N, C-alpha and C. Protein backbone atom coordinates (compact mmCIF):
# COMPACT_ATOMS: atom_id res chain seq x y z
N MET A 1 40.26 6.20 27.63
CA MET A 1 40.25 5.41 26.42
C MET A 1 39.17 4.32 26.49
N LYS A 2 38.99 3.71 27.70
CA LYS A 2 37.97 2.67 27.85
C LYS A 2 36.58 3.22 27.56
N LYS A 3 36.33 4.48 27.96
CA LYS A 3 35.02 5.10 27.73
C LYS A 3 34.76 5.27 26.23
N ILE A 4 35.77 5.65 25.49
CA ILE A 4 35.62 5.85 24.05
C ILE A 4 35.32 4.51 23.36
N VAL A 5 36.06 3.47 23.73
CA VAL A 5 35.84 2.15 23.13
C VAL A 5 34.46 1.62 23.48
N LEU A 6 34.06 1.73 24.75
CA LEU A 6 32.73 1.28 25.15
C LEU A 6 31.65 2.08 24.45
N GLY A 7 31.84 3.39 24.33
CA GLY A 7 30.87 4.23 23.64
C GLY A 7 30.72 3.84 22.18
N ALA A 8 31.84 3.57 21.51
CA ALA A 8 31.80 3.15 20.11
C ALA A 8 31.13 1.80 19.96
N LEU A 9 31.41 0.87 20.89
CA LEU A 9 30.78 -0.45 20.86
C LEU A 9 29.27 -0.34 21.05
N CYS A 10 28.83 0.48 22.00
CA CYS A 10 27.39 0.68 22.23
C CYS A 10 26.72 1.26 21.00
N CYS A 11 27.35 2.27 20.37
CA CYS A 11 26.77 2.88 19.17
C CYS A 11 26.67 1.87 18.04
N ALA A 12 27.69 1.02 17.89
CA ALA A 12 27.66 0.00 16.83
C ALA A 12 26.55 -1.00 17.09
N LEU A 13 26.39 -1.42 18.35
CA LEU A 13 25.33 -2.38 18.68
C LEU A 13 23.95 -1.77 18.48
N ILE A 14 23.76 -0.55 18.94
CA ILE A 14 22.46 0.12 18.79
C ILE A 14 22.16 0.38 17.33
N GLY A 15 23.14 0.87 16.59
CA GLY A 15 22.95 1.14 15.17
C GLY A 15 22.66 -0.11 14.39
N GLY A 16 23.31 -1.22 14.74
CA GLY A 16 23.08 -2.49 14.06
C GLY A 16 21.71 -3.05 14.37
N ALA A 17 21.18 -2.76 15.57
CA ALA A 17 19.87 -3.28 15.96
C ALA A 17 18.74 -2.54 15.27
N ALA A 18 19.04 -1.38 14.68
CA ALA A 18 18.00 -0.59 14.04
C ALA A 18 17.52 -1.23 12.73
N TRP A 19 18.32 -2.12 12.17
CA TRP A 19 17.94 -2.77 10.92
C TRP A 19 17.99 -4.28 11.09
N ALA A 20 17.00 -4.94 10.60
CA ALA A 20 16.96 -6.41 10.66
C ALA A 20 17.48 -6.94 9.34
N GLY A 21 18.24 -8.01 9.38
CA GLY A 21 18.75 -8.59 8.15
C GLY A 21 18.33 -10.04 8.04
N ASP A 22 18.23 -10.53 6.81
CA ASP A 22 17.93 -11.94 6.62
C ASP A 22 19.21 -12.69 6.27
N ALA A 23 19.10 -13.97 5.98
CA ALA A 23 20.27 -14.79 5.70
C ALA A 23 21.05 -14.29 4.48
N ALA A 24 20.35 -13.65 3.55
CA ALA A 24 21.02 -13.15 2.34
C ALA A 24 21.68 -11.80 2.59
N GLY A 25 21.53 -11.25 3.80
CA GLY A 25 22.15 -9.98 4.12
C GLY A 25 21.32 -8.77 3.71
N LYS A 26 20.08 -9.00 3.26
CA LYS A 26 19.22 -7.89 2.89
C LYS A 26 18.74 -7.18 4.14
N ARG A 27 18.60 -5.90 4.05
CA ARG A 27 18.14 -5.13 5.20
C ARG A 27 16.72 -4.63 4.97
N GLY A 28 16.00 -4.50 6.06
CA GLY A 28 14.63 -4.00 5.99
C GLY A 28 14.38 -3.09 7.17
N PRO A 29 13.18 -2.57 7.29
CA PRO A 29 12.89 -1.67 8.40
C PRO A 29 13.00 -2.38 9.74
N ARG A 30 13.38 -1.65 10.75
CA ARG A 30 13.53 -2.24 12.08
C ARG A 30 12.16 -2.67 12.59
N PRO A 31 12.11 -3.67 13.45
CA PRO A 31 10.83 -4.07 14.03
C PRO A 31 10.18 -2.89 14.73
N GLY A 32 8.89 -2.76 14.56
CA GLY A 32 8.17 -1.64 15.16
C GLY A 32 8.03 -0.45 14.23
N ALA A 33 8.47 -0.58 13.00
CA ALA A 33 8.38 0.52 12.05
C ALA A 33 6.92 0.72 11.62
N VAL A 34 6.53 1.95 11.39
CA VAL A 34 5.18 2.25 10.91
C VAL A 34 5.11 1.90 9.43
N VAL A 35 4.16 1.04 9.06
CA VAL A 35 4.00 0.64 7.66
C VAL A 35 2.77 1.27 7.02
N LEU A 36 1.89 1.85 7.83
CA LEU A 36 0.71 2.53 7.32
C LEU A 36 0.24 3.52 8.37
N GLU A 37 -0.17 4.69 7.89
CA GLU A 37 -0.63 5.75 8.79
C GLU A 37 -1.81 6.46 8.11
N LEU A 38 -2.87 6.68 8.87
CA LEU A 38 -4.07 7.28 8.27
C LEU A 38 -4.80 8.15 9.29
N TYR A 39 -5.22 9.33 8.84
CA TYR A 39 -6.21 10.11 9.58
C TYR A 39 -7.35 10.35 8.61
N TYR A 40 -8.53 9.83 8.95
CA TYR A 40 -9.70 9.92 8.07
C TYR A 40 -10.75 10.83 8.70
N ASN A 41 -11.17 11.85 7.96
CA ASN A 41 -12.19 12.79 8.42
C ASN A 41 -13.55 12.31 7.92
N ALA A 42 -14.37 11.81 8.84
CA ALA A 42 -15.67 11.24 8.46
C ALA A 42 -16.65 12.29 7.99
N LYS A 43 -16.56 13.50 8.53
CA LYS A 43 -17.53 14.54 8.13
C LYS A 43 -17.38 14.90 6.66
N THR A 44 -16.12 15.00 6.20
CA THR A 44 -15.89 15.34 4.79
C THR A 44 -15.62 14.11 3.93
N ALA A 45 -15.56 12.93 4.57
CA ALA A 45 -15.27 11.66 3.88
C ALA A 45 -13.98 11.75 3.07
N THR A 46 -12.95 12.31 3.71
CA THR A 46 -11.66 12.48 3.03
C THR A 46 -10.50 12.00 3.91
N ILE A 47 -9.43 11.64 3.23
CA ILE A 47 -8.18 11.33 3.91
C ILE A 47 -7.50 12.66 4.19
N THR A 48 -7.30 12.96 5.46
CA THR A 48 -6.64 14.21 5.83
C THR A 48 -5.13 14.07 5.74
N ARG A 49 -4.60 13.01 6.32
CA ARG A 49 -3.17 12.71 6.27
C ARG A 49 -3.02 11.21 6.13
N SER A 50 -1.96 10.81 5.40
CA SER A 50 -1.75 9.36 5.27
C SER A 50 -0.34 9.04 4.84
N TYR A 51 0.03 7.80 5.07
CA TYR A 51 1.27 7.21 4.57
C TYR A 51 0.94 5.78 4.15
N ASN A 52 1.26 5.44 2.93
CA ASN A 52 1.01 4.11 2.37
C ASN A 52 -0.49 3.77 2.30
N VAL A 53 -1.32 4.77 2.01
CA VAL A 53 -2.75 4.54 1.84
C VAL A 53 -3.16 4.98 0.43
N ALA A 54 -3.70 4.04 -0.33
CA ALA A 54 -4.16 4.34 -1.68
C ALA A 54 -5.62 4.80 -1.69
N ASN A 55 -6.44 4.17 -0.80
CA ASN A 55 -7.87 4.48 -0.82
C ASN A 55 -8.52 4.07 0.49
N VAL A 56 -9.59 4.80 0.84
CA VAL A 56 -10.46 4.43 1.96
C VAL A 56 -11.88 4.43 1.43
N SER A 57 -12.61 3.35 1.67
CA SER A 57 -14.00 3.29 1.23
C SER A 57 -14.87 2.75 2.36
N SER A 58 -16.09 3.27 2.43
CA SER A 58 -17.05 2.78 3.41
C SER A 58 -18.00 1.84 2.67
N ILE A 59 -17.96 0.56 3.03
CA ILE A 59 -18.78 -0.42 2.32
C ILE A 59 -20.10 -0.69 3.02
N ALA A 60 -20.19 -0.25 4.28
CA ALA A 60 -21.43 -0.38 5.07
C ALA A 60 -21.32 0.61 6.22
N GLN A 61 -22.43 0.89 6.85
CA GLN A 61 -22.43 1.81 7.99
C GLN A 61 -21.41 1.34 9.03
N GLY A 62 -20.40 2.16 9.30
CA GLY A 62 -19.39 1.84 10.30
C GLY A 62 -18.31 0.86 9.87
N THR A 63 -18.24 0.52 8.59
CA THR A 63 -17.22 -0.40 8.10
C THR A 63 -16.41 0.28 7.00
N TYR A 64 -15.10 0.40 7.24
CA TYR A 64 -14.20 1.05 6.29
C TYR A 64 -13.16 0.05 5.81
N CYS A 65 -12.86 0.09 4.52
CA CYS A 65 -11.81 -0.72 3.93
C CYS A 65 -10.68 0.22 3.53
N ILE A 66 -9.48 -0.08 4.02
CA ILE A 66 -8.31 0.74 3.73
C ILE A 66 -7.41 -0.06 2.79
N THR A 67 -7.17 0.48 1.61
CA THR A 67 -6.31 -0.16 0.62
C THR A 67 -4.91 0.44 0.71
N PRO A 68 -3.92 -0.37 1.10
CA PRO A 68 -2.55 0.15 1.17
C PRO A 68 -1.97 0.37 -0.23
N THR A 69 -1.10 1.36 -0.35
CA THR A 69 -0.38 1.59 -1.60
C THR A 69 0.55 0.41 -1.87
N ASN A 70 1.28 0.00 -0.82
CA ASN A 70 2.16 -1.17 -0.89
C ASN A 70 1.57 -2.24 0.01
N PRO A 71 1.64 -3.50 -0.40
CA PRO A 71 1.02 -4.58 0.39
C PRO A 71 1.52 -4.63 1.84
N VAL A 72 0.62 -4.98 2.74
CA VAL A 72 0.92 -5.13 4.15
C VAL A 72 0.52 -6.56 4.53
N ASP A 73 1.43 -7.29 5.16
CA ASP A 73 1.16 -8.67 5.55
C ASP A 73 0.34 -8.67 6.84
N PRO A 74 -0.92 -9.11 6.80
CA PRO A 74 -1.77 -9.07 8.00
C PRO A 74 -1.27 -9.97 9.13
N ASN A 75 -0.38 -10.91 8.82
CA ASN A 75 0.16 -11.80 9.85
C ASN A 75 1.33 -11.17 10.61
N LYS A 76 1.80 -10.01 10.16
CA LYS A 76 2.98 -9.39 10.77
C LYS A 76 2.72 -7.98 11.29
N ILE A 77 1.46 -7.58 11.39
CA ILE A 77 1.19 -6.18 11.76
C ILE A 77 0.54 -6.06 13.13
N TYR A 78 0.69 -4.87 13.69
CA TYR A 78 0.11 -4.50 14.98
C TYR A 78 -0.59 -3.17 14.80
N PRO A 79 -1.89 -3.16 14.48
CA PRO A 79 -2.61 -1.91 14.25
C PRO A 79 -3.08 -1.27 15.55
N ALA A 80 -3.16 0.04 15.54
CA ALA A 80 -3.68 0.81 16.67
C ALA A 80 -4.60 1.88 16.12
N GLY A 81 -5.89 1.77 16.44
CA GLY A 81 -6.89 2.73 15.96
C GLY A 81 -7.34 3.64 17.08
N SER A 82 -7.77 4.84 16.71
CA SER A 82 -8.22 5.81 17.70
C SER A 82 -9.35 6.65 17.11
N ALA A 83 -10.43 6.78 17.88
CA ALA A 83 -11.52 7.67 17.47
C ALA A 83 -11.10 9.10 17.79
N GLU A 84 -11.47 10.02 16.94
CA GLU A 84 -11.12 11.42 17.15
C GLU A 84 -12.32 12.17 17.72
N TYR A 85 -12.06 12.97 18.73
CA TYR A 85 -13.11 13.79 19.33
C TYR A 85 -13.51 14.87 18.33
N LEU A 86 -14.78 14.96 18.04
CA LEU A 86 -15.27 15.97 17.11
C LEU A 86 -16.54 16.60 17.68
N ASN A 87 -16.59 17.89 17.69
CA ASN A 87 -17.84 18.58 17.98
C ASN A 87 -18.21 19.27 16.67
N ASN A 88 -18.61 18.47 15.71
CA ASN A 88 -18.78 18.94 14.34
C ASN A 88 -20.24 19.13 13.92
N GLY A 89 -21.13 19.14 14.89
CA GLY A 89 -22.52 19.27 14.54
C GLY A 89 -23.22 17.93 14.40
N TRP A 90 -22.44 16.86 14.26
CA TRP A 90 -23.03 15.53 14.20
C TRP A 90 -23.06 14.94 15.59
N TYR A 91 -21.88 14.70 16.13
CA TYR A 91 -21.76 14.07 17.44
C TYR A 91 -20.75 14.85 18.28
N PRO A 92 -21.12 15.22 19.50
CA PRO A 92 -20.18 16.00 20.32
C PRO A 92 -19.15 15.15 21.05
N TYR A 93 -19.18 13.85 20.91
CA TYR A 93 -18.25 12.99 21.64
C TYR A 93 -17.59 12.00 20.69
N ALA A 94 -16.48 11.45 21.15
CA ALA A 94 -15.79 10.44 20.35
C ALA A 94 -16.53 9.12 20.42
N GLY A 95 -16.40 8.34 19.39
CA GLY A 95 -16.98 7.01 19.37
C GLY A 95 -15.91 5.98 19.63
N TYR A 96 -16.13 4.80 19.13
CA TYR A 96 -15.23 3.67 19.35
C TYR A 96 -14.72 3.19 18.00
N VAL A 97 -13.44 2.89 17.93
CA VAL A 97 -12.84 2.39 16.69
C VAL A 97 -12.21 1.04 16.98
N SER A 98 -12.43 0.09 16.07
CA SER A 98 -11.87 -1.24 16.22
C SER A 98 -11.28 -1.69 14.89
N TRP A 99 -10.17 -2.38 14.95
CA TRP A 99 -9.57 -2.96 13.76
C TRP A 99 -10.03 -4.41 13.65
N GLN A 100 -10.49 -4.80 12.48
CA GLN A 100 -10.93 -6.18 12.24
C GLN A 100 -9.74 -7.00 11.78
N ASP A 101 -9.44 -8.07 12.47
CA ASP A 101 -8.34 -8.96 12.08
C ASP A 101 -8.73 -9.66 10.77
N THR A 102 -8.10 -9.26 9.69
CA THR A 102 -8.47 -9.77 8.37
C THR A 102 -7.98 -11.20 8.13
N THR A 103 -7.17 -11.74 9.04
CA THR A 103 -6.77 -13.15 8.90
C THR A 103 -7.88 -14.07 9.41
N VAL A 104 -8.82 -13.53 10.18
CA VAL A 104 -9.93 -14.31 10.73
C VAL A 104 -11.18 -14.14 9.88
N ALA A 105 -11.58 -12.90 9.65
CA ALA A 105 -12.77 -12.60 8.84
C ALA A 105 -12.67 -11.16 8.35
N THR A 106 -13.27 -10.89 7.23
CA THR A 106 -13.25 -9.53 6.70
C THR A 106 -14.43 -9.30 5.76
N ASP A 107 -14.86 -8.06 5.71
CA ASP A 107 -15.88 -7.64 4.74
C ASP A 107 -15.23 -6.97 3.54
N CYS A 108 -13.92 -6.77 3.62
CA CYS A 108 -13.18 -6.03 2.59
C CYS A 108 -12.49 -6.98 1.61
N ALA A 109 -11.97 -6.39 0.54
CA ALA A 109 -11.25 -7.16 -0.47
C ALA A 109 -9.93 -7.68 0.10
N ALA A 110 -9.42 -8.74 -0.49
CA ALA A 110 -8.13 -9.29 -0.07
C ALA A 110 -7.06 -8.21 -0.17
N GLY A 111 -6.23 -8.11 0.85
CA GLY A 111 -5.16 -7.11 0.87
C GLY A 111 -5.54 -5.81 1.56
N ASP A 112 -6.84 -5.60 1.77
CA ASP A 112 -7.29 -4.39 2.46
C ASP A 112 -7.26 -4.60 3.98
N LEU A 113 -7.19 -3.50 4.72
CA LEU A 113 -7.35 -3.52 6.16
C LEU A 113 -8.76 -3.04 6.46
N GLU A 114 -9.34 -3.52 7.56
CA GLU A 114 -10.72 -3.16 7.89
C GLU A 114 -10.79 -2.47 9.25
N VAL A 115 -11.56 -1.38 9.29
CA VAL A 115 -11.79 -0.63 10.52
C VAL A 115 -13.29 -0.53 10.75
N LYS A 116 -13.71 -0.74 11.99
CA LYS A 116 -15.11 -0.58 12.39
C LYS A 116 -15.22 0.65 13.29
N THR A 117 -16.26 1.47 13.07
CA THR A 117 -16.52 2.63 13.93
C THR A 117 -17.92 2.51 14.53
N ILE A 118 -17.99 2.80 15.84
CA ILE A 118 -19.25 2.62 16.58
C ILE A 118 -19.51 3.87 17.42
N TYR A 119 -20.77 4.27 17.44
CA TYR A 119 -21.19 5.38 18.30
C TYR A 119 -22.60 5.08 18.79
N GLY A 120 -22.83 5.25 20.07
CA GLY A 120 -24.17 5.05 20.62
C GLY A 120 -24.66 3.62 20.53
N GLY A 121 -23.75 2.66 20.51
CA GLY A 121 -24.15 1.26 20.52
C GLY A 121 -24.28 0.61 19.16
N GLY A 122 -24.07 1.37 18.10
CA GLY A 122 -24.19 0.77 16.77
C GLY A 122 -23.18 1.31 15.79
N PRO A 123 -23.05 0.66 14.64
CA PRO A 123 -22.12 1.13 13.62
C PRO A 123 -22.49 2.55 13.17
N GLN A 124 -21.47 3.36 12.92
CA GLN A 124 -21.72 4.76 12.57
C GLN A 124 -20.59 5.29 11.70
N ASN A 125 -20.93 5.89 10.56
CA ASN A 125 -19.94 6.46 9.66
C ASN A 125 -19.47 7.86 10.08
N ALA A 126 -20.06 8.44 11.10
CA ALA A 126 -19.74 9.82 11.46
C ALA A 126 -18.53 9.96 12.38
N ILE A 127 -17.81 8.89 12.63
CA ILE A 127 -16.67 8.93 13.54
C ILE A 127 -15.37 9.04 12.75
N SER A 128 -14.69 10.17 12.91
CA SER A 128 -13.35 10.31 12.31
C SER A 128 -12.37 9.45 13.11
N PHE A 129 -11.34 8.96 12.45
CA PHE A 129 -10.41 8.07 13.16
C PHE A 129 -9.01 8.18 12.60
N SER A 130 -8.08 7.74 13.40
CA SER A 130 -6.71 7.59 12.96
C SER A 130 -6.32 6.12 13.11
N LEU A 131 -5.41 5.68 12.26
CA LEU A 131 -4.96 4.29 12.29
C LEU A 131 -3.46 4.28 12.06
N LEU A 132 -2.73 3.68 12.98
CA LEU A 132 -1.30 3.44 12.82
C LEU A 132 -1.09 1.94 12.75
N VAL A 133 -0.33 1.49 11.79
CA VAL A 133 -0.06 0.07 11.66
C VAL A 133 1.46 -0.13 11.73
N PHE A 134 1.87 -0.92 12.71
CA PHE A 134 3.28 -1.22 12.93
C PHE A 134 3.57 -2.63 12.44
N GLU A 135 4.80 -2.84 12.02
CA GLU A 135 5.21 -4.18 11.62
C GLU A 135 6.34 -4.64 12.49
């Protein structure tokens, strides 16, 4: 009987920790939830897969602005970018991807997220990338 009670208590604690609540009792996504997901194919200049992405635009060589469908608070996010290996006739190796902290400086419009792509020491639009943004 003790095992059943302890098991139920653990499940209740774990289940309750999955949702964060505020003073008004409203629930929201648990900490660490993905709020934006993007795979961008640079060769075709298209969004291959995405979640909460309205648009991706390149405003300068190696600078991309990602417009979320729903607003994302830049003070509460943890982005993780990754260059994708492509042997697509342009570049046989992966480049470097960096997320620009838009609370410090940005080349993009307010509310957008900014990604920089680099290959061979300079900005380059030929690097496909993925971006996961956690809150």
